[in-house]
């Protein structure tokens, strides 16, 4: 799950009816992990920008 893009995680979590429940839970957990990391400033929201 950690190598999946955010868009792929959203599809698994919210749109893929064939996905197993544990995949949906894993996708949700990864989405939350990334959001928390972003909010804490650990992810550069604009990679390649010079700040």
Protein backbone atom coordinates (compact mmCIF):
# COMPACT_ATOMS: atom_id res chain seq x y z
CA UNK A 1 0.00 0.00 0.00
CA UNK A 2 2.82 2.43 0.74
CA UNK A 3 3.94 2.46 -2.90
CA UNK A 4 0.43 3.22 -4.18
CA UNK A 5 -0.39 6.76 -5.19
CA UNK A 6 -3.00 8.64 -3.22
CA UNK A 7 -5.38 8.35 -6.17
CA UNK A 8 -4.94 4.56 -6.21
CA UNK A 9 -5.61 4.38 -2.47
CA UNK A 10 -8.80 6.41 -2.84
CA UNK A 11 -10.02 4.11 -5.61
CA UNK A 12 -9.36 1.03 -3.47
CA UNK A 13 -11.00 2.55 -0.40
CA UNK A 14 -14.06 4.19 -1.91
CA UNK A 15 -14.73 2.89 -5.43
CA UNK A 16 -13.47 -0.68 -5.84
CA UNK A 17 -16.37 -2.89 -4.81
CA UNK A 18 -14.31 -6.00 -5.59
CA UNK A 19 -11.52 -5.04 -3.16
CA UNK A 20 -11.24 -7.17 -0.05
CA UNK A 21 -12.14 -5.57 3.27
CA UNK A 22 -8.57 -5.79 4.56
CA UNK A 23 -7.37 -3.96 1.41
CA UNK A 24 -9.94 -1.23 2.03
CA UNK A 25 -8.84 -0.94 5.66
CA UNK A 26 -5.19 -0.84 4.61
CA UNK A 27 -5.90 1.88 2.06
CA UNK A 28 -7.78 3.94 4.64
CA UNK A 29 -4.94 3.56 7.15
CA UNK A 30 -2.38 4.66 4.54
CA UNK A 31 -4.49 7.68 3.54
CA UNK A 32 -4.69 8.73 7.20
CA UNK A 33 -0.96 8.13 7.72
CA UNK A 34 -0.10 10.35 4.76
CA UNK A 35 -2.50 13.09 5.88
CA UNK A 36 -0.98 13.15 9.35
CA UNK A 37 2.53 13.20 7.93
CA UNK A 38 1.61 16.06 5.59
CA UNK A 39 0.03 18.07 8.40
CA UNK A 40 3.11 17.64 10.56
CA UNK A 41 5.24 19.08 7.75
CA UNK A 42 7.17 15.92 6.97
CA UNK A 43 6.08 15.83 3.33
CA UNK A 44 6.97 18.54 0.86
CA UNK A 45 3.61 19.42 -0.65
CA UNK A 46 5.29 20.88 -3.72
CA UNK A 47 8.23 18.68 -4.70
CA UNK A 48 10.74 20.45 -6.89
CA UNK A 49 9.80 23.91 -5.69
CA UNK A 50 12.55 26.09 -4.27
CA UNK A 51 11.50 27.53 -0.95
